[in-house]
Amino acid sequence: MLKEFREFIKRGNAIDLAVGLVIGAAFGAIVTSLVNDVVMPVVGLLLGKVDFANLFFVLKQGDPAGPYSTLALAQEAGAVTMNYGVFVSAIVSFVVVAFAVFLVVKVVNRMRKPDEEPATKDCQFCLSSIPDGATRCPACTSQLT
């Protein structure tokens, strides 16, 4: 089993995967900061000075009972809350990451495009498509002129 693992590591797939995970985690942290520290404050300001980090419903009062001005105070009191502001921030983070992945996939697909199709002509006998330089049809074996 150790030998198989060593061969797997030598192929490079594991290293590529590890590098991808590390870069993905770092990118996720950057996107989270972008959304929480840049995007959501601007959106909150445009919506009338709303702080999305403190948008929540109290499902069950804590001790002492609310109202609670911030999510941290509600959690400190042991209240059960539905944190829809944090959820909205997570959705925005997901959309930013999904868009970035879409752009990467689009670039990779553009790089993978095959070169132009080779020039072809039709066989005069069986009408199958064959390369321009062919002297014999691969479908009907006719000699071409």
N, C-alpha and C. Protein backbone atom coordinates (compact mmCIF):
# COMPACT_ATOMS: atom_id res chain seq x y z
N MET A 1 0.82 -1.18 0.00
CA MET A 1 0.00 0.00 0.00
C MET A 1 0.88 1.27 0.00
N LEU A 2 1.96 1.24 0.74
CA LEU A 2 2.87 2.38 0.77
C LEU A 2 3.50 2.62 -0.60
N LYS A 3 3.79 1.52 -1.30
CA LYS A 3 4.37 1.63 -2.64
C LYS A 3 3.38 2.30 -3.60
N GLU A 4 2.11 1.91 -3.52
CA GLU A 4 1.09 2.51 -4.38
C GLU A 4 0.94 4.00 -4.07
N PHE A 5 1.00 4.34 -2.78
CA PHE A 5 0.89 5.75 -2.40
C PHE A 5 2.07 6.54 -2.95
N ARG A 6 3.27 5.97 -2.88
CA ARG A 6 4.46 6.64 -3.40
C ARG A 6 4.32 6.86 -4.91
N GLU A 7 3.80 5.87 -5.63
CA GLU A 7 3.60 6.01 -7.08
C GLU A 7 2.57 7.10 -7.38
N PHE A 8 1.52 7.14 -6.57
CA PHE A 8 0.50 8.17 -6.74
C PHE A 8 1.10 9.56 -6.56
N ILE A 9 1.93 9.72 -5.55
CA ILE A 9 2.58 11.01 -5.29
C ILE A 9 3.51 11.37 -6.46
N LYS A 10 4.22 10.39 -6.98
CA LYS A 10 5.16 10.66 -8.07
C LYS A 10 4.48 11.12 -9.35
N ARG A 11 3.23 10.68 -9.55
CA ARG A 11 2.51 11.09 -10.76
C ARG A 11 2.22 12.58 -10.78
N GLY A 12 2.23 13.22 -9.64
CA GLY A 12 2.01 14.66 -9.60
C GLY A 12 0.58 15.06 -9.33
N ASN A 13 -0.37 14.13 -9.41
CA ASN A 13 -1.77 14.49 -9.18
C ASN A 13 -2.00 15.00 -7.77
N ALA A 14 -1.37 14.35 -6.79
CA ALA A 14 -1.57 14.76 -5.40
C ALA A 14 -0.99 16.14 -5.16
N ILE A 15 0.14 16.43 -5.75
CA ILE A 15 0.75 17.74 -5.56
C ILE A 15 -0.11 18.81 -6.22
N ASP A 16 -0.62 18.53 -7.41
CA ASP A 16 -1.52 19.48 -8.07
C ASP A 16 -2.76 19.72 -7.23
N LEU A 17 -3.32 18.66 -6.67
CA LEU A 17 -4.50 18.78 -5.83
C LEU A 17 -4.19 19.61 -4.59
N ALA A 18 -3.05 19.35 -3.95
CA ALA A 18 -2.68 20.09 -2.74
C ALA A 18 -2.48 21.57 -3.05
N VAL A 19 -1.82 21.87 -4.15
CA VAL A 19 -1.62 23.27 -4.53
C VAL A 19 -2.97 23.93 -4.81
N GLY A 20 -3.85 23.22 -5.49
CA GLY A 20 -5.18 23.76 -5.77
C GLY A 20 -5.98 24.04 -4.50
N LEU A 21 -5.89 23.13 -3.53
CA LEU A 21 -6.61 23.34 -2.27
C LEU A 21 -6.06 24.53 -1.49
N VAL A 22 -4.75 24.66 -1.45
CA VAL A 22 -4.14 25.78 -0.72
C VAL A 22 -4.52 27.11 -1.38
N ILE A 23 -4.41 27.16 -2.70
CA ILE A 23 -4.78 28.39 -3.41
C ILE A 23 -6.27 28.67 -3.26
N GLY A 24 -7.08 27.62 -3.32
CA GLY A 24 -8.53 27.79 -3.14
C GLY A 24 -8.88 28.32 -1.77
N ALA A 25 -8.22 27.81 -0.73
CA ALA A 25 -8.48 28.30 0.63
C ALA A 25 -8.07 29.76 0.76
N ALA A 26 -6.93 30.10 0.21
CA ALA A 26 -6.47 31.50 0.27
C ALA A 26 -7.43 32.40 -0.51
N PHE A 27 -7.87 31.95 -1.66
CA PHE A 27 -8.81 32.73 -2.47
C PHE A 27 -10.13 32.89 -1.73
N GLY A 28 -10.57 31.83 -1.05
CA GLY A 28 -11.80 31.91 -0.27
C GLY A 28 -11.71 32.95 0.83
N ALA A 29 -10.55 33.02 1.49
CA ALA A 29 -10.36 34.01 2.54
C ALA A 29 -10.37 35.43 1.97
N ILE A 30 -9.77 35.60 0.80
CA ILE A 30 -9.76 36.91 0.15
C ILE A 30 -11.18 37.33 -0.23
N VAL A 31 -11.94 36.39 -0.80
CA VAL A 31 -13.31 36.70 -1.21
C VAL A 31 -14.17 37.02 0.01
N THR A 32 -14.00 36.25 1.08
CA THR A 32 -14.78 36.51 2.30
C THR A 32 -14.49 37.92 2.83
N SER A 33 -13.22 38.29 2.85
CA SER A 33 -12.86 39.63 3.29
C SER A 33 -13.42 40.69 2.35
N LEU A 34 -13.32 40.45 1.05
CA LEU A 34 -13.86 41.39 0.07
C LEU A 34 -15.35 41.61 0.30
N VAL A 35 -16.08 40.53 0.48
CA VAL A 35 -17.53 40.65 0.66
C VAL A 35 -17.87 41.31 1.99
N ASN A 36 -17.26 40.84 3.08
CA ASN A 36 -17.62 41.35 4.42
C ASN A 36 -17.10 42.76 4.67
N ASP A 37 -15.93 43.08 4.13
CA ASP A 37 -15.29 44.35 4.47
C ASP A 37 -15.44 45.43 3.40
N VAL A 38 -15.79 45.05 2.17
CA VAL A 38 -15.89 46.04 1.10
C VAL A 38 -17.29 46.08 0.49
N VAL A 39 -17.80 44.95 0.03
CA VAL A 39 -19.06 44.93 -0.71
C VAL A 39 -20.26 45.17 0.20
N MET A 40 -20.37 44.39 1.28
CA MET A 40 -21.56 44.48 2.13
C MET A 40 -21.70 45.83 2.83
N PRO A 41 -20.62 46.47 3.30
CA PRO A 41 -20.81 47.82 3.87
C PRO A 41 -21.37 48.81 2.85
N VAL A 42 -20.91 48.72 1.59
CA VAL A 42 -21.43 49.62 0.56
C VAL A 42 -22.90 49.32 0.28
N VAL A 43 -23.24 48.03 0.17
CA VAL A 43 -24.64 47.65 -0.05
C VAL A 43 -25.50 48.10 1.13
N GLY A 44 -24.99 47.89 2.35
CA GLY A 44 -25.72 48.33 3.54
C GLY A 44 -25.93 49.82 3.57
N LEU A 45 -24.93 50.57 3.15
CA LEU A 45 -25.05 52.04 3.11
C LEU A 45 -26.09 52.46 2.09
N LEU A 46 -26.09 51.81 0.93
CA LEU A 46 -27.07 52.13 -0.11
C LEU A 46 -28.49 51.76 0.31
N LEU A 47 -28.64 50.78 1.18
CA LEU A 47 -29.96 50.35 1.64
C LEU A 47 -30.39 51.06 2.92
N GLY A 48 -29.68 52.09 3.31
CA GLY A 48 -30.09 52.87 4.47
C GLY A 48 -29.32 52.52 5.73
N LYS A 49 -28.02 52.40 5.62
CA LYS A 49 -27.13 52.13 6.76
C LYS A 49 -27.49 50.82 7.47
N VAL A 50 -27.62 49.77 6.71
CA VAL A 50 -27.92 48.44 7.24
C VAL A 50 -26.61 47.70 7.45
N ASP A 51 -26.42 47.11 8.65
CA ASP A 51 -25.25 46.28 8.92
C ASP A 51 -25.67 44.82 8.78
N PHE A 52 -25.29 44.19 7.69
CA PHE A 52 -25.74 42.82 7.41
C PHE A 52 -25.27 41.82 8.46
N ALA A 53 -24.14 42.09 9.10
CA ALA A 53 -23.63 41.16 10.12
C ALA A 53 -24.55 41.11 11.33
N ASN A 54 -25.39 42.13 11.52
CA ASN A 54 -26.28 42.17 12.67
C ASN A 54 -27.75 42.07 12.29
N LEU A 55 -28.05 41.47 11.16
CA LEU A 55 -29.44 41.21 10.79
C LEU A 55 -29.79 39.80 11.24
N PHE A 56 -30.72 39.71 12.18
CA PHE A 56 -31.08 38.40 12.72
C PHE A 56 -32.49 38.46 13.32
N PHE A 57 -33.11 37.27 13.44
CA PHE A 57 -34.37 37.11 14.14
C PHE A 57 -34.08 36.32 15.40
N VAL A 58 -34.69 36.70 16.49
CA VAL A 58 -34.56 35.93 17.73
C VAL A 58 -35.66 34.88 17.72
N LEU A 59 -35.25 33.61 17.73
CA LEU A 59 -36.21 32.52 17.75
C LEU A 59 -36.58 32.13 19.18
N LYS A 60 -35.62 32.24 20.07
CA LYS A 60 -35.86 31.94 21.49
C LYS A 60 -35.00 32.89 22.30
N GLN A 61 -35.63 33.57 23.27
CA GLN A 61 -34.93 34.54 24.10
C GLN A 61 -33.88 33.86 24.96
N GLY A 62 -32.82 34.60 25.25
CA GLY A 62 -31.78 34.12 26.13
C GLY A 62 -31.97 34.70 27.52
N ASP A 63 -30.92 34.60 28.34
CA ASP A 63 -30.97 35.14 29.68
C ASP A 63 -29.88 36.19 29.82
N PRO A 64 -30.10 37.44 29.86
CA PRO A 64 -31.38 38.12 29.99
C PRO A 64 -32.11 38.21 28.65
N ALA A 65 -33.41 38.39 28.74
CA ALA A 65 -34.24 38.48 27.54
C ALA A 65 -33.93 39.77 26.78
N GLY A 66 -34.18 39.73 25.45
CA GLY A 66 -33.87 40.84 24.57
C GLY A 66 -34.81 41.99 24.77
N PRO A 67 -34.80 42.98 23.93
CA PRO A 67 -34.21 43.00 22.60
C PRO A 67 -32.69 43.17 22.64
N TYR A 68 -32.06 42.62 21.62
CA TYR A 68 -30.60 42.65 21.50
C TYR A 68 -30.23 43.57 20.35
N SER A 69 -29.29 44.45 20.59
CA SER A 69 -28.90 45.41 19.55
C SER A 69 -27.93 44.81 18.53
N THR A 70 -27.16 43.78 18.95
CA THR A 70 -26.22 43.15 18.03
C THR A 70 -26.33 41.63 18.14
N LEU A 71 -25.85 40.98 17.12
CA LEU A 71 -25.84 39.51 17.12
C LEU A 71 -24.94 38.98 18.23
N ALA A 72 -23.83 39.64 18.48
CA ALA A 72 -22.90 39.19 19.53
C ALA A 72 -23.57 39.22 20.89
N LEU A 73 -24.36 40.26 21.17
CA LEU A 73 -25.06 40.34 22.46
C LEU A 73 -26.11 39.24 22.58
N ALA A 74 -26.80 38.95 21.48
CA ALA A 74 -27.82 37.89 21.50
C ALA A 74 -27.17 36.53 21.75
N GLN A 75 -26.05 36.27 21.09
CA GLN A 75 -25.37 34.99 21.28
C GLN A 75 -24.77 34.89 22.67
N GLU A 76 -24.28 35.99 23.20
CA GLU A 76 -23.72 36.01 24.55
C GLU A 76 -24.79 35.69 25.59
N ALA A 77 -26.02 36.13 25.34
CA ALA A 77 -27.13 35.86 26.25
C ALA A 77 -27.68 34.45 26.07
N GLY A 78 -27.22 33.74 25.06
CA GLY A 78 -27.69 32.38 24.83
C GLY A 78 -28.97 32.31 24.02
N ALA A 79 -29.32 33.38 23.35
CA ALA A 79 -30.52 33.40 22.52
C ALA A 79 -30.30 32.56 21.27
N VAL A 80 -31.39 31.93 20.81
CA VAL A 80 -31.34 31.19 19.55
C VAL A 80 -31.76 32.16 18.45
N THR A 81 -30.87 32.34 17.47
CA THR A 81 -31.11 33.35 16.43
C THR A 81 -31.04 32.75 15.04
N MET A 82 -31.76 33.37 14.12
CA MET A 82 -31.65 33.05 12.69
C MET A 82 -30.91 34.21 12.07
N ASN A 83 -29.68 33.97 11.63
CA ASN A 83 -28.78 35.03 11.17
C ASN A 83 -28.88 35.21 9.66
N TYR A 84 -29.93 35.85 9.21
CA TYR A 84 -30.13 35.98 7.77
C TYR A 84 -29.16 36.97 7.13
N GLY A 85 -28.62 37.91 7.87
CA GLY A 85 -27.63 38.85 7.32
C GLY A 85 -26.34 38.14 6.97
N VAL A 86 -25.90 37.24 7.85
CA VAL A 86 -24.70 36.44 7.59
C VAL A 86 -24.94 35.53 6.38
N PHE A 87 -26.17 35.01 6.27
CA PHE A 87 -26.52 34.15 5.13
C PHE A 87 -26.45 34.93 3.81
N VAL A 88 -26.95 36.16 3.81
CA VAL A 88 -26.89 36.99 2.60
C VAL A 88 -25.43 37.23 2.22
N SER A 89 -24.58 37.49 3.20
CA SER A 89 -23.15 37.69 2.92
C SER A 89 -22.53 36.43 2.33
N ALA A 90 -22.92 35.26 2.84
CA ALA A 90 -22.40 34.00 2.30
C ALA A 90 -22.85 33.78 0.86
N ILE A 91 -24.08 34.18 0.54
CA ILE A 91 -24.57 34.06 -0.85
C ILE A 91 -23.76 34.97 -1.77
N VAL A 92 -23.49 36.18 -1.33
CA VAL A 92 -22.69 37.10 -2.15
C VAL A 92 -21.28 36.53 -2.35
N SER A 93 -20.69 35.96 -1.30
CA SER A 93 -19.37 35.34 -1.42
C SER A 93 -19.41 34.21 -2.44
N PHE A 94 -20.45 33.39 -2.38
CA PHE A 94 -20.58 32.27 -3.32
C PHE A 94 -20.66 32.78 -4.76
N VAL A 95 -21.43 33.83 -4.98
CA VAL A 95 -21.58 34.37 -6.34
C VAL A 95 -20.25 34.90 -6.85
N VAL A 96 -19.48 35.56 -6.00
CA VAL A 96 -18.17 36.07 -6.42
C VAL A 96 -17.23 34.91 -6.77
N VAL A 97 -17.20 33.87 -5.93
CA VAL A 97 -16.33 32.72 -6.20
C VAL A 97 -16.79 32.00 -7.48
N ALA A 98 -18.09 31.82 -7.63
CA ALA A 98 -18.61 31.14 -8.83
C ALA A 98 -18.26 31.92 -10.09
N PHE A 99 -18.34 33.24 -10.04
CA PHE A 99 -17.98 34.05 -11.20
C PHE A 99 -16.50 33.92 -11.51
N ALA A 100 -15.66 33.92 -10.48
CA ALA A 100 -14.21 33.78 -10.69
C ALA A 100 -13.89 32.41 -11.29
N VAL A 101 -14.53 31.36 -10.80
CA VAL A 101 -14.30 30.02 -11.36
C VAL A 101 -14.78 29.97 -12.81
N PHE A 102 -15.91 30.60 -13.09
CA PHE A 102 -16.41 30.65 -14.46
C PHE A 102 -15.40 31.30 -15.39
N LEU A 103 -14.80 32.41 -14.94
CA LEU A 103 -13.79 33.09 -15.77
C LEU A 103 -12.57 32.20 -16.00
N VAL A 104 -12.12 31.48 -14.97
CA VAL A 104 -10.97 30.58 -15.12
C VAL A 104 -11.30 29.46 -16.09
N VAL A 105 -12.48 28.86 -15.96
CA VAL A 105 -12.87 27.78 -16.87
C VAL A 105 -12.97 28.29 -18.30
N LYS A 106 -13.48 29.50 -18.47
CA LYS A 106 -13.60 30.07 -19.82
C LYS A 106 -12.22 30.25 -20.45
N VAL A 107 -11.24 30.74 -19.67
CA VAL A 107 -9.88 30.92 -20.19
C VAL A 107 -9.25 29.58 -20.53
N VAL A 108 -9.42 28.60 -19.65
CA VAL A 108 -8.85 27.26 -19.90
C VAL A 108 -9.47 26.65 -21.14
N ASN A 109 -10.78 26.77 -21.30
CA ASN A 109 -11.44 26.22 -22.50
C ASN A 109 -10.95 26.90 -23.77
N ARG A 110 -10.70 28.20 -23.69
CA ARG A 110 -10.18 28.92 -24.86
C ARG A 110 -8.79 28.42 -25.22
N MET A 111 -7.97 28.13 -24.20
CA MET A 111 -6.61 27.64 -24.45
C MET A 111 -6.62 26.23 -25.01
N ARG A 112 -7.63 25.44 -24.65
CA ARG A 112 -7.71 24.05 -25.10
C ARG A 112 -8.32 23.88 -26.48
N LYS A 113 -8.85 24.94 -27.06
CA LYS A 113 -9.50 24.82 -28.36
C LYS A 113 -8.53 24.21 -29.36
N PRO A 114 -8.99 23.22 -30.10
CA PRO A 114 -8.11 22.63 -31.11
C PRO A 114 -7.85 23.63 -32.23
N ASP A 115 -6.77 23.41 -32.94
CA ASP A 115 -6.47 24.25 -34.09
C ASP A 115 -7.58 24.10 -35.11
N GLU A 116 -7.54 24.94 -36.10
CA GLU A 116 -8.59 24.90 -37.12
C GLU A 116 -8.67 23.51 -37.74
N GLU A 117 -9.87 23.17 -38.15
CA GLU A 117 -10.11 21.88 -38.79
C GLU A 117 -9.29 21.81 -40.08
N PRO A 118 -8.71 20.65 -40.35
CA PRO A 118 -7.96 20.54 -41.61
C PRO A 118 -8.91 20.68 -42.80
N ALA A 119 -8.38 21.22 -43.88
CA ALA A 119 -9.18 21.41 -45.08
C ALA A 119 -9.60 20.05 -45.63
N THR A 120 -10.86 19.97 -46.04
CA THR A 120 -11.39 18.70 -46.56
C THR A 120 -12.06 18.93 -47.90
N LYS A 121 -12.29 17.82 -48.56
CA LYS A 121 -13.05 17.82 -49.80
C LYS A 121 -13.96 16.60 -49.77
N ASP A 122 -14.92 16.54 -50.68
CA ASP A 122 -15.82 15.40 -50.74
C ASP A 122 -15.35 14.44 -51.81
N CYS A 123 -15.46 13.14 -51.50
CA CYS A 123 -15.14 12.11 -52.49
C CYS A 123 -16.17 12.19 -53.61
N GLN A 124 -15.71 12.17 -54.86
CA GLN A 124 -16.62 12.30 -56.00
C GLN A 124 -17.46 11.05 -56.22
N PHE A 125 -17.10 9.94 -55.56
CA PHE A 125 -17.83 8.69 -55.77
C PHE A 125 -18.83 8.41 -54.64
N CYS A 126 -18.38 8.56 -53.35
CA CYS A 126 -19.26 8.23 -52.23
C CYS A 126 -19.68 9.45 -51.42
N LEU A 127 -19.17 10.61 -51.76
CA LEU A 127 -19.49 11.88 -51.14
C LEU A 127 -19.11 11.98 -49.65
N SER A 128 -18.20 11.12 -49.16
CA SER A 128 -17.73 11.25 -47.78
C SER A 128 -16.65 12.33 -47.73
N SER A 129 -16.49 12.91 -46.56
CA SER A 129 -15.53 13.98 -46.37
C SER A 129 -14.14 13.39 -46.14
N ILE A 130 -13.15 13.88 -46.91
CA ILE A 130 -11.78 13.37 -46.79
C ILE A 130 -10.80 14.54 -46.80
N PRO A 131 -9.59 14.36 -46.27
CA PRO A 131 -8.60 15.44 -46.29
C PRO A 131 -8.26 15.86 -47.71
N ASP A 132 -7.90 17.12 -47.88
CA ASP A 132 -7.58 17.66 -49.21
C ASP A 132 -6.45 16.91 -49.90
N GLY A 133 -5.44 16.49 -49.15
CA GLY A 133 -4.28 15.85 -49.77
C GLY A 133 -4.47 14.37 -50.08
N ALA A 134 -5.62 13.79 -49.77
CA ALA A 134 -5.82 12.35 -49.98
C ALA A 134 -5.86 12.02 -51.47
N THR A 135 -5.24 10.87 -51.84
CA THR A 135 -5.28 10.41 -53.23
C THR A 135 -6.21 9.22 -53.38
N ARG A 136 -6.64 8.64 -52.23
CA ARG A 136 -7.57 7.52 -52.26
C ARG A 136 -8.58 7.73 -51.13
N CYS A 137 -9.84 7.45 -51.39
CA CYS A 137 -10.90 7.63 -50.41
C CYS A 137 -10.84 6.52 -49.37
N PRO A 138 -10.78 6.83 -48.06
CA PRO A 138 -10.74 5.79 -47.05
C PRO A 138 -12.08 5.05 -46.90
N ALA A 139 -13.18 5.63 -47.36
CA ALA A 139 -14.48 5.00 -47.22
C ALA A 139 -14.77 4.01 -48.35
N CYS A 140 -14.51 4.42 -49.60
CA CYS A 140 -14.86 3.55 -50.72
C CYS A 140 -13.62 3.06 -51.48
N THR A 141 -12.45 3.49 -51.06
CA THR A 141 -11.16 3.12 -51.65
C THR A 141 -11.00 3.52 -53.12
N SER A 142 -11.79 4.45 -53.59
CA SER A 142 -11.69 4.90 -54.98
C SER A 142 -10.44 5.76 -55.15
N GLN A 143 -9.82 5.65 -56.32
CA GLN A 143 -8.68 6.50 -56.66
C GLN A 143 -9.22 7.87 -57.01
N LEU A 144 -8.66 8.91 -56.36
CA LEU A 144 -9.16 10.26 -56.58
C LEU A 144 -8.29 10.97 -57.60
N THR A 145 -8.91 11.87 -58.35
CA THR A 145 -8.16 12.62 -59.36
C THR A 145 -7.78 13.97 -58.88
